[in-house]
PDB file of N, CA and C in Angstrom:
ATOM      1  N   MET A   1      16.240-164.077  54.255  1.00  0.00           N
ATOM      2  CA  MET A   1      17.628-164.090  54.456  1.00  0.00           C
ATOM      3  C   MET A   1      18.343-165.353  53.915  1.00  0.00           C
ATOM      4  N   ALA A   2      19.478-165.332  53.561  1.00  0.00           N
ATOM      5  CA  ALA A   2      20.276-166.527  53.146  1.00  0.00           C
ATOM      6  C   ALA A   2      21.476-166.671  53.901  1.00  0.00           C
ATOM      7  N   ARG A   3      21.854-167.906  54.320  1.00  0.00           N
ATOM      8  CA  ARG A   3      23.013-168.158  54.972  1.00  0.00           C
ATOM      9  C   ARG A   3      23.915-169.243  54.256  1.00  0.00           C
ATOM     10  N   ILE A   4      25.159-169.218  54.392  1.00  0.00           N
ATOM     11  CA  ILE A   4      26.081-170.237  53.716  1.00  0.00           C
ATOM     12  C   ILE A   4      26.892-170.806  54.867  1.00  0.00           C
ATOM     13  N   GLU A   5      26.889-172.186  54.955  1.00  0.00           N
ATOM     14  CA  GLU A   5      27.560-172.846  55.979  1.00  0.00           C
ATOM     15  C   GLU A   5      29.023-172.394  55.930  1.00  0.00           C
ATOM     16  N   GLY A   6      29.582-172.020  57.098  1.00  0.00           N
ATOM     17  CA  GLY A   6      31.010-171.722  57.273  1.00  0.00           C
ATOM     18  C   GLY A   6      31.243-170.235  57.198  1.00  0.00           C
ATOM     19  N   ILE A   7      30.135-169.422  56.822  1.00  0.00           N
ATOM     20  CA  ILE A   7      30.334-167.978  56.794  1.00  0.00           C
ATOM     21  C   ILE A   7      29.376-167.381  57.804  1.00  0.00           C
ATOM     22  N   ASP A   8      30.015-166.572  58.636  1.00  0.00           N
ATOM     23  CA  ASP A   8      29.178-165.948  59.581  1.00  0.00           C
ATOM     24  C   ASP A   8      28.611-164.621  59.198  1.00  0.00           C
ATOM     25  N   ALA A   9      27.629-164.709  58.264  1.00  0.00           N
ATOM     26  CA  ALA A   9      26.933-163.510  57.761  1.00  0.00           C
ATOM     27  C   ALA A   9      25.685-163.949  57.008  1.00  0.00           C
ATOM     28  N   GLU A  10      24.942-162.916  56.697  1.00  0.00           N
ATOM     29  CA  GLU A  10      23.536-163.221  55.963  1.00  0.00           C
ATOM     30  C   GLU A  10      23.418-162.244  54.870  1.00  0.00           C
ATOM     31  N   ALA A  11      22.907-162.754  53.879  1.00  0.00           N
ATOM     32  CA  ALA A  11      22.504-161.927  52.582  1.00  0.00           C
ATOM     33  C   ALA A  11      20.985-161.700  52.866  1.00  0.00           C
ATOM     34  N   GLU A  12      20.278-160.644  52.426  1.00  0.00           N
ATOM     35  CA  GLU A  12      18.976-160.354  52.588  1.00  0.00           C
ATOM     36  C   GLU A  12      18.304-159.680  51.405  1.00  0.00           C
ATOM     37  N   ILE A  13      17.013-159.770  51.253  1.00  0.00           N
ATOM     38  CA  ILE A  13      16.268-159.036  50.342  1.00  0.00           C
ATOM     39  C   ILE A  13      15.002-158.492  51.099  1.00  0.00           C
ATOM     40  N   THR A  14      14.773-157.202  50.945  1.00  0.00           N
ATOM     41  CA  THR A  14      13.788-156.611  51.652  1.00  0.00           C
ATOM     42  C   THR A  14      12.677-156.318  50.608  1.00  0.00           C
ATOM     43  N   PHE A  15      11.394-156.360  51.057  1.00  0.00           N
ATOM     44  CA  PHE A  15      10.212-156.035  50.105  1.00  0.00           C
ATOM     45  C   PHE A  15       9.180-155.400  50.992  1.00  0.00           C
ATOM     46  N   THR A  16       8.371-154.733  50.256  1.00  0.00           N
ATOM     47  CA  THR A  16       7.083-154.065  50.711  1.00  0.00           C
ATOM     48  C   THR A  16       5.867-154.587  50.049  1.00  0.00           C
ATOM     49  N   LYS A  17       4.831-154.914  50.835  1.00  0.00           N
ATOM     50  CA  LYS A  17       3.641-155.376  50.226  1.00  0.00           C
ATOM     51  C   LYS A  17       2.954-154.076  49.856  1.00  0.00           C
ATOM     52  N   ARG A  18       2.640-154.092  48.463  1.00  0.00           N
ATOM     53  CA  ARG A  18       2.058-152.855  47.921  1.00  0.00           C
ATOM     54  C   ARG A  18       0.558-153.055  47.739  1.00  0.00           C
ATOM     55  N   GLY A  19       0.047-154.280  47.709  1.00  0.00           N
ATOM     56  CA  GLY A  19      -1.391-154.488  47.486  1.00  0.00           C
ATOM     57  C   GLY A  19      -1.630-156.021  47.741  1.00  0.00           C
ATOM     58  N   ALA A  20      -2.856-156.503  47.409  1.00  0.00           N
ATOM     59  CA  ALA A  20      -3.215-157.833  47.625  1.00  0.00           C
ATOM     60  C   ALA A  20      -2.248-158.813  46.704  1.00  0.00           C
ATOM     61  N   ASP A  21      -1.862-158.272  45.628  1.00  0.00           N
ATOM     62  CA  ASP A  21      -1.091-159.245  44.696  1.00  0.00           C
ATOM     63  C   ASP A  21       0.136-158.512  44.126  1.00  0.00           C
ATOM     64  N   LEU A  22       0.681-157.501  44.911  1.00  0.00           N
ATOM     65  CA  LEU A  22       1.864-156.893  44.365  1.00  0.00           C
ATOM     66  C   LEU A  22       2.785-156.557  45.511  1.00  0.00           C
ATOM     67  N   ILE A  23       4.098-156.809  45.334  1.00  0.00           N
ATOM     68  CA  ILE A  23       5.156-156.480  46.206  1.00  0.00           C
ATOM     69  C   ILE A  23       6.191-155.670  45.528  1.00  0.00           C
ATOM     70  N   SER A  24       6.947-154.887  46.257  1.00  0.00           N
ATOM     71  CA  SER A  24       8.147-154.269  45.598  1.00  0.00           C
ATOM     72  C   SER A  24       9.401-154.924  46.227  1.00  0.00           C
ATOM     73  N   ALA A  25      10.328-155.221  45.379  1.00  0.00           N
ATOM     74  CA  ALA A  25      11.607-155.756  45.813  1.00  0.00           C
ATOM     75  C   ALA A  25      12.415-154.376  46.069  1.00  0.00           C
ATOM     76  N   ASP A  26      12.672-154.067  47.283  1.00  0.00           N
ATOM     77  CA  ASP A  26      13.262-152.793  47.658  1.00  0.00           C
ATOM     78  C   ASP A  26      14.786-152.782  47.642  1.00  0.00           C
ATOM     79  N   HIS A  27      15.412-153.845  48.311  1.00  0.00           N
ATOM     80  CA  HIS A  27      16.835-153.780  48.465  1.00  0.00           C
ATOM     81  C   HIS A  27      17.261-155.200  48.597  1.00  0.00           C
ATOM     82  N   THR A  28      18.476-155.420  48.053  1.00  0.00           N
ATOM     83  CA  THR A  28      19.187-156.799  48.218  1.00  0.00           C
ATOM     84  C   THR A  28      20.514-156.325  48.788  1.00  0.00           C
ATOM     85  N   SER A  29      21.037-157.121  49.780  1.00  0.00           N
ATOM     86  CA  SER A  29      22.434-156.804  50.202  1.00  0.00           C
ATOM     87  C   SER A  29      23.045-158.214  50.673  1.00  0.00           C
ATOM     88  N   ALA A  30      24.377-158.223  50.445  1.00  0.00           N
ATOM     89  CA  ALA A  30      25.197-159.260  50.837  1.00  0.00           C
ATOM     90  C   ALA A  30      26.523-158.694  51.317  1.00  0.00           C
ATOM     91  N   PRO A  31      26.945-159.180  52.459  1.00  0.00           N
ATOM     92  CA  PRO A  31      28.230-158.714  52.959  1.00  0.00           C
ATOM     93  C   PRO A  31      29.334-159.172  52.126  1.00  0.00           C
ATOM     94  N   GLU A  32      30.533-158.568  52.200  1.00  0.00           N
ATOM     95  CA  GLU A  32      31.689-158.870  51.451  1.00  0.00           C
ATOM     96  C   GLU A  32      31.988-160.380  51.489  1.00  0.00           C
ATOM     97  N   THR A  33      31.785-160.965  52.701  1.00  0.00           N
ATOM     98  CA  THR A  33      32.260-162.411  52.734  1.00  0.00           C
ATOM     99  C   THR A  33      31.281-163.294  51.922  1.00  0.00           C
ATOM    100  N   MET A  34      30.122-162.790  51.492  1.00  0.00           N
ATOM    101  CA  MET A  34      29.202-163.604  50.695  1.00  0.00           C
ATOM    102  C   MET A  34      29.153-163.164  49.182  1.00  0.00           C
ATOM    103  N   ARG A  35      29.988-162.225  48.874  1.00  0.00           N
ATOM    104  CA  ARG A  35      29.896-161.785  47.440  1.00  0.00           C
ATOM    105  C   ARG A  35      30.480-162.803  46.552  1.00  0.00           C
ATOM    106  N   GLY A  36      29.810-163.061  45.536  1.00  0.00           N
ATOM    107  CA  GLY A  36      30.222-164.217  44.461  1.00  0.00           C
ATOM    108  C   GLY A  36      29.850-165.463  44.837  1.00  0.00           C
ATOM    109  N   THR A  37      29.028-165.649  45.875  1.00  0.00           N
ATOM    110  CA  THR A  37      28.525-166.987  46.221  1.00  0.00           C
ATOM    111  C   THR A  37      27.294-167.400  45.717  1.00  0.00           C
ATOM    112  N   GLY A  38      26.527-166.424  45.098  1.00  0.00           N
ATOM    113  CA  GLY A  38      25.229-166.659  44.518  1.00  0.00           C
ATOM    114  C   GLY A  38      24.089-166.540  45.534  1.00  0.00           C
ATOM    115  N   ALA A  39      24.409-166.051  46.700  1.00  0.00           N
ATOM    116  CA  ALA A  39      23.379-166.001  47.710  1.00  0.00           C
ATOM    117  C   ALA A  39      22.330-165.041  47.399  1.00  0.00           C
ATOM    118  N   ALA A  40      22.753-163.755  46.883  1.00  0.00           N
ATOM    119  CA  ALA A  40      21.682-162.743  46.624  1.00  0.00           C
ATOM    120  C   ALA A  40      20.940-163.274  45.312  1.00  0.00           C
ATOM    121  N   ALA A  41      21.443-163.834  44.353  1.00  0.00           N
ATOM    122  CA  ALA A  41      20.771-164.302  43.186  1.00  0.00           C
ATOM    123  C   ALA A  41      19.731-165.428  43.594  1.00  0.00           C
ATOM    124  N   ALA A  42      20.171-166.272  44.623  1.00  0.00           N
ATOM    125  CA  ALA A  42      19.165-167.259  45.120  1.00  0.00           C
ATOM    126  C   ALA A  42      18.098-166.625  45.804  1.00  0.00           C
ATOM    127  N   LEU A  43      18.278-165.611  46.494  1.00  0.00           N
ATOM    128  CA  LEU A  43      17.087-164.867  47.164  1.00  0.00           C
ATOM    129  C   LEU A  43      16.143-164.332  46.098  1.00  0.00           C
ATOM    130  N   VAL A  44      16.681-163.818  45.042  1.00  0.00           N
ATOM    131  CA  VAL A  44      15.782-163.248  44.022  1.00  0.00           C
ATOM    132  C   VAL A  44      14.993-164.416  43.402  1.00  0.00           C
ATOM    133  N   SER A  45      15.783-165.404  43.025  1.00  0.00           N
ATOM    134  CA  SER A  45      15.016-166.679  42.367  1.00  0.00           C
ATOM    135  C   SER A  45      13.923-167.215  43.296  1.00  0.00           C
ATOM    136  N   PHE A  46      14.271-167.202  44.599  1.00  0.00           N
ATOM    137  CA  PHE A  46      13.197-167.696  45.571  1.00  0.00           C
ATOM    138  C   PHE A  46      12.028-166.763  45.427  1.00  0.00           C
ATOM    139  N   MET A  47      12.221-165.451  45.541  1.00  0.00           N
ATOM    140  CA  MET A  47      11.158-164.469  45.324  1.00  0.00           C
ATOM    141  C   MET A  47      10.263-164.811  44.128  1.00  0.00           C
ATOM    142  N   VAL A  48      10.920-165.047  43.077  1.00  0.00           N
ATOM    143  CA  VAL A  48      10.211-165.138  41.724  1.00  0.00           C
ATOM    144  C   VAL A  48       9.396-166.450  41.859  1.00  0.00           C
ATOM    145  N   GLU A  49       9.956-167.458  42.242  1.00  0.00           N
ATOM    146  CA  GLU A  49       9.147-168.806  42.478  1.00  0.00           C
ATOM    147  C   GLU A  49       8.046-168.629  43.379  1.00  0.00           C
ATOM    148  N   ASP A  50       8.276-167.928  44.540  1.00  0.00           N
ATOM    149  CA  ASP A  50       7.226-167.673  45.476  1.00  0.00           C
ATOM    150  C   ASP A  50       6.030-166.856  44.844  1.00  0.00           C
ATOM    151  N   ALA A  51       6.372-165.856  43.985  1.00  0.00           N
ATOM    152  CA  ALA A  51       5.495-165.146  43.283  1.00  0.00           C
ATOM    153  C   ALA A  51       4.563-166.028  42.403  1.00  0.00           C
ATOM    154  N   ARG A  52       5.236-166.890  41.715  1.00  0.00           N
ATOM    155  CA  ARG A  52       4.516-167.863  40.851  1.00  0.00           C
ATOM    156  C   ARG A  52       3.625-168.780  41.666  1.00  0.00           C
ATOM    157  N   ARG A  53       4.017-169.220  42.676  1.00  0.00           N
ATOM    158  CA  ARG A  53       3.277-170.251  43.569  1.00  0.00           C
ATOM    159  C   ARG A  53       2.126-169.401  44.176  1.00  0.00           C
ATOM    160  N   ASN A  54       2.178-168.286  44.619  1.00  0.00           N
ATOM    161  CA  ASN A  54       1.222-167.560  45.339  1.00  0.00           C
ATOM    162  C   ASN A  54       0.489-166.482  44.568  1.00  0.00           C
ATOM    163  N   GLY A  55       0.719-166.348  43.286  1.00  0.00           N
ATOM    164  CA  GLY A  55      -0.069-165.508  42.471  1.00  0.00           C
ATOM    165  C   GLY A  55       0.120-164.026  42.753  1.00  0.00           C
ATOM    166  N   PHE A  56       1.379-163.497  42.973  1.00  0.00           N
ATOM    167  CA  PHE A  56       1.489-162.132  43.097  1.00  0.00           C
ATOM    168  C   PHE A  56       2.623-161.696  42.126  1.00  0.00           C
ATOM    169  N   ARG A  57       2.744-160.370  41.830  1.00  0.00           N
ATOM    170  CA  ARG A  57       3.662-159.746  41.047  1.00  0.00           C
ATOM    171  C   ARG A  57       4.744-158.998  41.772  1.00  0.00           C
ATOM    172  N   ILE A  58       5.867-158.834  41.192  1.00  0.00           N
ATOM    173  CA  ILE A  58       7.029-158.005  41.849  1.00  0.00           C
ATOM    174  C   ILE A  58       7.399-156.677  41.098  1.00  0.00           C
ATOM    175  N   LEU A  59       7.407-155.689  41.748  1.00  0.00           N
ATOM    176  CA  LEU A  59       7.997-154.434  41.306  1.00  0.00           C
ATOM    177  C   LEU A  59       9.353-154.347  41.631  1.00  0.00           C
ATOM    178  N   PRO A  60      10.381-154.493  40.570  1.00  0.00           N
ATOM    179  CA  PRO A  60      11.742-154.476  40.983  1.00  0.00           C
ATOM    180  C   PRO A  60      12.327-153.120  41.148  1.00  0.00           C
ATOM    181  N   ILE A  61      12.283-152.578  42.309  1.00  0.00           N
ATOM    182  CA  ILE A  61      12.722-151.178  42.588  1.00  0.00           C
ATOM    183  C   ILE A  61      14.325-151.305  42.816  1.00  0.00           C
ATOM    184  N   CYS A  62      14.701-152.454  43.526  1.00  0.00           N
ATOM    185  CA  CYS A  62      16.202-152.624  43.772  1.00  0.00           C
ATOM    186  C   CYS A  62      17.097-152.770  42.496  1.00  0.00           C
ATOM    187  N   PRO A  63      18.112-151.996  42.268  1.00  0.00           N
ATOM    188  CA  PRO A  63      18.824-152.093  41.043  1.00  0.00           C
ATOM    189  C   PRO A  63      19.327-153.596  40.779  1.00  0.00           C
ATOM    190  N   TYR A  64      19.668-154.256  41.849  1.00  0.00           N
ATOM    191  CA  TYR A  64      20.184-155.666  41.690  1.00  0.00           C
ATOM    192  C   TYR A  64      19.069-156.612  41.163  1.00  0.00           C
ATOM    193  N   VAL A  65      17.832-156.462  41.668  1.00  0.00           N
ATOM    194  CA  VAL A  65      16.689-157.212  41.221  1.00  0.00           C
ATOM    195  C   VAL A  65      16.422-156.900  39.752  1.00  0.00           C
ATOM    196  N   ARG A  66      16.477-155.643  39.463  1.00  0.00           N
ATOM    197  CA  ARG A  66      16.186-155.125  38.030  1.00  0.00           C
ATOM    198  C   ARG A  66      17.395-155.789  37.129  1.00  0.00           C
ATOM    199  N   ALA A  67      18.544-155.833  37.614  1.00  0.00           N
ATOM    200  CA  ALA A  67      19.594-156.350  36.704  1.00  0.00           C
ATOM    201  C   ALA A  67      19.409-157.811  36.460  1.00  0.00           C
ATOM    202  N   GLN A  68      19.011-158.571  37.624  1.00  0.00           N
ATOM    203  CA  GLN A  68      18.783-159.894  37.461  1.00  0.00           C
ATOM    204  C   GLN A  68      17.593-160.188  36.439  1.00  0.00           C
ATOM    205  N   TYR A  69      16.566-159.402  36.533  1.00  0.00           N
ATOM    206  CA  TYR A  69      15.376-159.513  35.656  1.00  0.00           C
ATOM    207  C   TYR A  69      15.800-159.324  34.094  1.00  0.00           C
ATOM    208  N   ARG A  70      16.837-158.334  33.935  1.00  0.00           N
ATOM    209  CA  ARG A  70      17.205-158.237  32.551  1.00  0.00           C
ATOM    210  C   ARG A  70      17.973-159.424  32.127  1.00  0.00           C
ATOM    211  N   LYS A  71      18.657-160.394  32.993  1.00  0.00           N
ATOM    212  CA  LYS A  71      19.242-161.446  32.615  1.00  0.00           C
ATOM    213  C   LYS A  71      18.235-162.631  32.451  1.00  0.00           C
ATOM    214  N   HIS A  72      17.119-162.466  33.018  1.00  0.00           N
ATOM    215  CA  HIS A  72      16.175-163.561  32.995  1.00  0.00           C
ATOM    216  C   HIS A  72      14.764-163.080  32.566  1.00  0.00           C
ATOM    217  N   PRO A  73      14.648-162.871  31.119  1.00  0.00           N
ATOM    218  CA  PRO A  73      13.274-162.373  30.570  1.00  0.00           C
ATOM    219  C   PRO A  73      12.157-163.323  30.935  1.00  0.00           C
ATOM    220  N   GLU A  74      12.524-164.668  31.203  1.00  0.00           N
ATOM    221  CA  GLU A  74      11.429-165.558  31.585  1.00  0.00           C
ATOM    222  C   GLU A  74      10.775-165.238  32.807  1.00  0.00           C
ATOM    223  N   TRP A  75      11.226-164.244  33.556  1.00  0.00           N
ATOM    224  CA  TRP A  75      10.501-163.794  34.749  1.00  0.00           C
ATOM    225  C   TRP A  75       9.355-162.756  34.467  1.00  0.00           C
ATOM    226  N   ALA A  76       9.185-162.510  33.235  1.00  0.00           N
ATOM    227  CA  ALA A  76       8.274-161.367  32.839  1.00  0.00           C
ATOM    228  C   ALA A  76       6.755-161.668  33.332  1.00  0.00           C
ATOM    229  N   ASP A  77       6.484-163.072  33.606  1.00  0.00           N
ATOM    230  CA  ASP A  77       5.187-163.347  34.113  1.00  0.00           C
ATOM    231  C   ASP A  77       4.895-162.870  35.480  1.00  0.00           C
ATOM    232  N   VAL A  78       5.927-162.565  36.216  1.00  0.00           N
ATOM    233  CA  VAL A  78       5.831-161.975  37.675  1.00  0.00           C
ATOM    234  C   VAL A  78       6.396-160.709  37.901  1.00  0.00           C
ATOM    235  N   MET A  79       7.103-160.091  36.967  1.00  0.00           N
ATOM    236  CA  MET A  79       7.666-158.780  37.082  1.00  0.00           C
ATOM    237  C   MET A  79       6.697-157.739  36.541  1.00  0.00           C
ATOM    238  N   THR A  80       6.691-156.598  37.343  1.00  0.00           N
ATOM    239  CA  THR A  80       6.029-155.370  36.795  1.00  0.00           C
ATOM    240  C   THR A  80       7.024-154.315  36.793  1.00  0.00           C
ATOM    241  N   MET A  81       7.430-153.753  35.664  1.00  0.00           N
ATOM    242  CA  MET A  81       8.396-152.694  35.619  1.00  0.00           C
ATOM    243  C   MET A  81       7.821-151.387  36.051  1.00  0.00           C
ATOM    244  N   PRO A  82       8.554-150.569  36.759  1.00  0.00           N
ATOM    245  CA  PRO A  82       8.139-149.248  37.141  1.00  0.00           C
ATOM    246  C   PRO A  82       7.957-148.271  36.027  1.00  0.00           C
ATOM    247  N   PRO A  83       7.182-147.281  36.088  1.00  0.00           N
ATOM    248  CA  PRO A  83       6.993-146.302  34.909  1.00  0.00           C
ATOM    249  C   PRO A  83       8.177-145.733  34.492  1.00  0.00           C
ATOM    250  N   GLY A  84       8.511-145.669  33.175  1.00  0.00           N
ATOM    251  CA  GLY A  84       9.715-145.235  32.693  1.00  0.00           C
ATOM    252  C   GLY A  84      10.868-146.087  32.552  1.00  0.00           C
ATOM    253  N   ALA A  85      10.763-147.344  33.150  1.00  0.00           N
ATOM    254  CA  ALA A  85      11.790-148.358  33.147  1.00  0.00           C
ATOM    255  C   ALA A  85      11.705-149.099  31.786  1.00  0.00           C
ATOM    256  N   GLU A  86      12.822-149.756  31.302  1.00  0.00           N
ATOM    257  CA  GLU A  86      12.801-150.491  30.160  1.00  0.00           C
ATOM    258  C   GLU A  86      11.863-151.722  30.273  1.00  0.00           C
ATOM    259  N   PRO A  87      10.853-151.762  29.424  1.00  0.00           N
ATOM    260  CA  PRO A  87       9.836-152.766  29.549  1.00  0.00           C
ATOM    261  C   PRO A  87      10.244-154.148  29.121  1.00  0.00           C
ATOM    262  N   ASN A  88      11.210-154.249  28.120  1.00  0.00           N
ATOM    263  CA  ASN A  88      11.599-155.566  27.617  1.00  0.00           C
ATOM    264  C   ASN A  88      13.023-155.818  27.974  1.00  0.00           C
ATOM    265  N   PRO A  89      13.285-156.455  29.189  1.00  0.00           N
ATOM    266  CA  PRO A  89      14.622-156.710  29.468  1.00  0.00           C
ATOM    267  C   PRO A  89      15.439-157.507  28.462  1.00  0.00           C
ATOM    268  N   GLY A  90      16.725-157.131  28.140  1.00  0.00           N
ATOM    269  CA  GLY A  90      17.440-157.836  27.186  1.00  0.00           C
ATOM    270  C   GLY A  90      17.199-157.451  25.750  1.00  0.00           C
ATOM    271  N   LYS A  91      16.095-156.765  25.448  1.00  0.00           N
ATOM    272  CA  LYS A  91      15.756-156.427  24.101  1.00  0.00           C
ATOM    273  C   LYS A  91      15.909-154.904  23.891  1.00  0.00           C
ATOM    274  N   HIS A  92      16.932-154.486  23.055  1.00  0.00           N
ATOM    275  CA  HIS A  92      17.171-153.208  22.806  1.00  0.00           C
ATOM    276  C   HIS A  92      16.847-152.892  21.332  1.00  0.00           C
ATOM    277  N   GLY A  93      16.200-151.673  21.128  1.00  0.00           N
ATOM    278  CA  GLY A  93      15.706-151.307  19.786  1.00  0.00           C
ATOM    279  C   GLY A  93      16.661-151.239  18.871  1.00  0.00           C
TER     280      GLY A  93
END
C-alpha cells in the first residue's frame, strides 16, 4: 500500500505467489483522490526493485502493470509476459 500525506486514502497493488521465484501482479488500484499523484506507479516500481533484490520474476496480469512495463522496457529482466501477450514492450513490428 502507498499513502500520501494529507490524503486520507491508500493505493494498493495485489499479487499472488505463483512459485519459488514467480509472482503475478494481479491488480493495482488508487482512489480518485490519489489519481495523478504517481502513487500506483511508485508501487509498481517498488515491486520491480524488490524483484531484482530478491531474485524473483513478475507476471504482469494487471493491465496497469502491463502498461507500465510497456513504458519501461528496462524491466525485462524481471518481467515474464503471459502467453499470447506482446513479448517486446514498445517494439512494434
